[in-house]
Amino acid sequence: MKTLREVAIGESVKVVKIHGEGAVKRRIMDMGLTKGTEIFVQKSAPLGDPLQVTVRGYELSIRKADAEFIEVE
């Protein structure tokens, strides 16, 4: 299992599954990160958190703690 947190900068991946429960899972899905969505990892902040990704044509910053719940391929 590979998570969004482990994806290298400049790599594109596809969401396989969102782990977690309740508010955390709902918040991730509300950001547009649902099963089958393509994600391009643009960069990370100087200290490594958060990640900046492109999802559905817009840029999104996501904390590494939340990226841990997103399984990708």
N, C-alpha and C. Protein backbone atom coordinates (compact mmCIF):
# COMPACT_ATOMS: atom_id res chain seq x y z
N MET A 1 0.85 -1.19 0.00
CA MET A 1 0.00 0.00 0.00
C MET A 1 0.88 1.24 0.00
N LYS A 2 0.64 2.15 -0.92
CA LYS A 2 1.38 3.40 -1.03
C LYS A 2 0.42 4.54 -0.71
N THR A 3 0.86 5.49 0.10
CA THR A 3 0.02 6.63 0.44
C THR A 3 0.50 7.88 -0.28
N LEU A 4 -0.34 8.90 -0.32
CA LEU A 4 0.01 10.17 -0.96
C LEU A 4 1.23 10.79 -0.31
N ARG A 5 1.43 10.55 0.97
CA ARG A 5 2.59 11.09 1.68
C ARG A 5 3.91 10.57 1.09
N GLU A 6 3.92 9.37 0.53
CA GLU A 6 5.13 8.73 0.02
C GLU A 6 5.43 9.06 -1.44
N VAL A 7 4.54 9.78 -2.11
CA VAL A 7 4.70 10.07 -3.54
C VAL A 7 5.77 11.13 -3.73
N ALA A 8 6.63 10.92 -4.72
CA ALA A 8 7.72 11.87 -5.02
C ALA A 8 7.17 13.11 -5.70
N ILE A 9 7.85 14.22 -5.52
CA ILE A 9 7.48 15.48 -6.17
C ILE A 9 7.63 15.31 -7.68
N GLY A 10 6.62 15.78 -8.41
CA GLY A 10 6.61 15.67 -9.86
C GLY A 10 5.94 14.41 -10.38
N GLU A 11 5.43 13.59 -9.50
CA GLU A 11 4.80 12.33 -9.88
C GLU A 11 3.27 12.47 -9.88
N SER A 12 2.62 11.76 -10.81
CA SER A 12 1.16 11.72 -10.86
C SER A 12 0.70 10.35 -10.38
N VAL A 13 -0.38 10.35 -9.60
CA VAL A 13 -0.93 9.10 -9.08
C VAL A 13 -2.45 9.16 -9.14
N LYS A 14 -3.08 8.01 -8.87
CA LYS A 14 -4.54 7.90 -8.87
C LYS A 14 -4.98 7.41 -7.49
N VAL A 15 -6.04 8.00 -6.96
CA VAL A 15 -6.57 7.60 -5.65
C VAL A 15 -7.22 6.23 -5.77
N VAL A 16 -6.82 5.32 -4.88
CA VAL A 16 -7.39 3.98 -4.83
C VAL A 16 -8.46 3.91 -3.73
N LYS A 17 -8.13 4.46 -2.55
CA LYS A 17 -9.04 4.37 -1.41
C LYS A 17 -8.71 5.45 -0.40
N ILE A 18 -9.74 5.93 0.29
CA ILE A 18 -9.56 6.88 1.39
C ILE A 18 -9.77 6.11 2.68
N HIS A 19 -8.76 6.09 3.52
CA HIS A 19 -8.87 5.42 4.82
C HIS A 19 -9.31 6.45 5.87
N GLY A 20 -9.47 6.03 7.08
CA GLY A 20 -9.90 6.94 8.14
C GLY A 20 -11.41 6.87 8.31
N GLU A 21 -11.89 7.64 9.29
CA GLU A 21 -13.31 7.61 9.62
C GLU A 21 -13.83 9.01 9.89
N GLY A 22 -15.13 9.13 9.81
CA GLY A 22 -15.83 10.34 10.24
C GLY A 22 -15.39 11.62 9.56
N ALA A 23 -15.11 12.63 10.40
CA ALA A 23 -14.81 13.98 9.91
C ALA A 23 -13.56 14.03 9.03
N VAL A 24 -12.55 13.24 9.36
CA VAL A 24 -11.31 13.24 8.58
C VAL A 24 -11.58 12.76 7.16
N LYS A 25 -12.25 11.65 7.03
CA LYS A 25 -12.56 11.09 5.71
C LYS A 25 -13.47 12.04 4.93
N ARG A 26 -14.46 12.60 5.58
CA ARG A 26 -15.40 13.53 4.93
C ARG A 26 -14.65 14.77 4.43
N ARG A 27 -13.75 15.33 5.24
CA ARG A 27 -12.99 16.52 4.85
C ARG A 27 -12.14 16.25 3.61
N ILE A 28 -11.48 15.09 3.58
CA ILE A 28 -10.65 14.72 2.43
C ILE A 28 -11.51 14.59 1.18
N MET A 29 -12.64 13.94 1.30
CA MET A 29 -13.53 13.77 0.15
C MET A 29 -14.14 15.09 -0.30
N ASP A 30 -14.41 16.00 0.63
CA ASP A 30 -14.95 17.32 0.28
C ASP A 30 -13.94 18.15 -0.50
N MET A 31 -12.65 17.87 -0.35
CA MET A 31 -11.62 18.58 -1.11
C MET A 31 -11.52 18.06 -2.55
N GLY A 32 -12.30 17.05 -2.88
CA GLY A 32 -12.29 16.52 -4.24
C GLY A 32 -11.43 15.28 -4.41
N LEU A 33 -10.89 14.77 -3.33
CA LEU A 33 -10.04 13.58 -3.38
C LEU A 33 -10.91 12.34 -3.17
N THR A 34 -11.43 11.81 -4.27
CA THR A 34 -12.28 10.63 -4.22
C THR A 34 -11.64 9.52 -5.05
N LYS A 35 -12.17 8.32 -4.93
CA LYS A 35 -11.63 7.16 -5.64
C LYS A 35 -11.58 7.43 -7.15
N GLY A 36 -10.41 7.16 -7.75
CA GLY A 36 -10.24 7.33 -9.18
C GLY A 36 -9.72 8.69 -9.61
N THR A 37 -9.60 9.64 -8.68
CA THR A 37 -9.14 10.99 -8.99
C THR A 37 -7.63 11.00 -9.25
N GLU A 38 -7.22 11.71 -10.29
CA GLU A 38 -5.79 11.88 -10.60
C GLU A 38 -5.22 13.01 -9.73
N ILE A 39 -4.04 12.79 -9.18
CA ILE A 39 -3.37 13.79 -8.35
C ILE A 39 -1.95 13.97 -8.87
N PHE A 40 -1.53 15.23 -9.05
CA PHE A 40 -0.16 15.54 -9.43
C PHE A 40 0.49 16.26 -8.26
N VAL A 41 1.59 15.72 -7.74
CA VAL A 41 2.28 16.32 -6.60
C VAL A 41 3.25 17.37 -7.14
N GLN A 42 2.97 18.66 -6.85
CA GLN A 42 3.77 19.75 -7.37
C GLN A 42 5.02 20.01 -6.53
N LYS A 43 4.82 20.21 -5.23
CA LYS A 43 5.96 20.53 -4.36
C LYS A 43 5.55 20.37 -2.91
N SER A 44 6.54 20.49 -2.04
CA SER A 44 6.24 20.50 -0.61
C SER A 44 6.85 21.76 -0.01
N ALA A 45 6.34 22.17 1.12
CA ALA A 45 6.83 23.36 1.80
C ALA A 45 8.28 23.14 2.24
N PRO A 46 9.02 24.21 2.50
CA PRO A 46 10.43 24.07 2.89
C PRO A 46 10.69 23.10 4.04
N LEU A 47 9.79 23.04 5.00
CA LEU A 47 9.98 22.11 6.12
C LEU A 47 9.27 20.79 5.88
N GLY A 48 8.73 20.58 4.66
CA GLY A 48 8.14 19.31 4.29
C GLY A 48 6.64 19.18 4.48
N ASP A 49 6.02 20.13 5.14
CA ASP A 49 4.58 20.04 5.39
C ASP A 49 3.97 21.41 5.20
N PRO A 50 2.97 21.62 4.40
CA PRO A 50 2.14 20.66 3.67
C PRO A 50 2.66 20.36 2.26
N LEU A 51 1.96 19.46 1.59
CA LEU A 51 2.22 19.14 0.18
C LEU A 51 1.31 20.01 -0.67
N GLN A 52 1.80 20.44 -1.83
CA GLN A 52 0.95 21.15 -2.78
C GLN A 52 0.69 20.22 -3.95
N VAL A 53 -0.58 19.95 -4.23
CA VAL A 53 -0.96 19.03 -5.29
C VAL A 53 -1.97 19.69 -6.22
N THR A 54 -2.08 19.16 -7.43
CA THR A 54 -3.11 19.60 -8.36
C THR A 54 -4.15 18.49 -8.46
N VAL A 55 -5.40 18.85 -8.21
CA VAL A 55 -6.51 17.91 -8.23
C VAL A 55 -7.67 18.54 -8.99
N ARG A 56 -8.19 17.85 -10.01
CA ARG A 56 -9.35 18.32 -10.76
C ARG A 56 -9.18 19.75 -11.29
N GLY A 57 -7.95 20.12 -11.67
CA GLY A 57 -7.70 21.42 -12.26
C GLY A 57 -7.45 22.56 -11.28
N TYR A 58 -7.37 22.28 -9.98
CA TYR A 58 -7.06 23.33 -9.03
C TYR A 58 -5.94 22.88 -8.10
N GLU A 59 -5.27 23.86 -7.49
CA GLU A 59 -4.17 23.56 -6.57
C GLU A 59 -4.71 23.44 -5.16
N LEU A 60 -4.14 22.48 -4.44
CA LEU A 60 -4.60 22.17 -3.09
C LEU A 60 -3.40 21.90 -2.22
N SER A 61 -3.41 22.44 -1.02
CA SER A 61 -2.38 22.13 -0.03
C SER A 61 -2.99 21.15 0.97
N ILE A 62 -2.25 20.08 1.23
CA ILE A 62 -2.76 19.06 2.15
C ILE A 62 -1.66 18.67 3.13
N ARG A 63 -2.03 18.57 4.39
CA ARG A 63 -1.06 18.19 5.43
C ARG A 63 -0.63 16.74 5.23
N LYS A 64 0.60 16.46 5.59
CA LYS A 64 1.10 15.09 5.45
C LYS A 64 0.32 14.12 6.34
N ALA A 65 -0.16 14.60 7.47
CA ALA A 65 -0.97 13.75 8.35
C ALA A 65 -2.24 13.30 7.64
N ASP A 66 -2.85 14.19 6.84
CA ASP A 66 -4.05 13.83 6.08
C ASP A 66 -3.68 13.00 4.85
N ALA A 67 -2.52 13.29 4.24
CA ALA A 67 -2.07 12.54 3.06
C ALA A 67 -1.83 11.07 3.40
N GLU A 68 -1.57 10.78 4.64
CA GLU A 68 -1.36 9.41 5.11
C GLU A 68 -2.61 8.54 4.93
N PHE A 69 -3.79 9.16 4.93
CA PHE A 69 -5.06 8.43 4.80
C PHE A 69 -5.43 8.13 3.36
N ILE A 70 -4.69 8.68 2.39
CA ILE A 70 -5.04 8.54 0.98
C ILE A 70 -4.16 7.49 0.32
N GLU A 71 -4.75 6.35 -0.01
CA GLU A 71 -4.02 5.26 -0.69
C GLU A 71 -4.04 5.53 -2.19
N VAL A 72 -2.85 5.44 -2.82
CA VAL A 72 -2.73 5.75 -4.24
C VAL A 72 -2.00 4.62 -4.98
N GLU A 73 -2.09 4.68 -6.32
CA GLU A 73 -1.34 3.74 -7.15
C GLU A 73 -0.66 4.49 -8.27
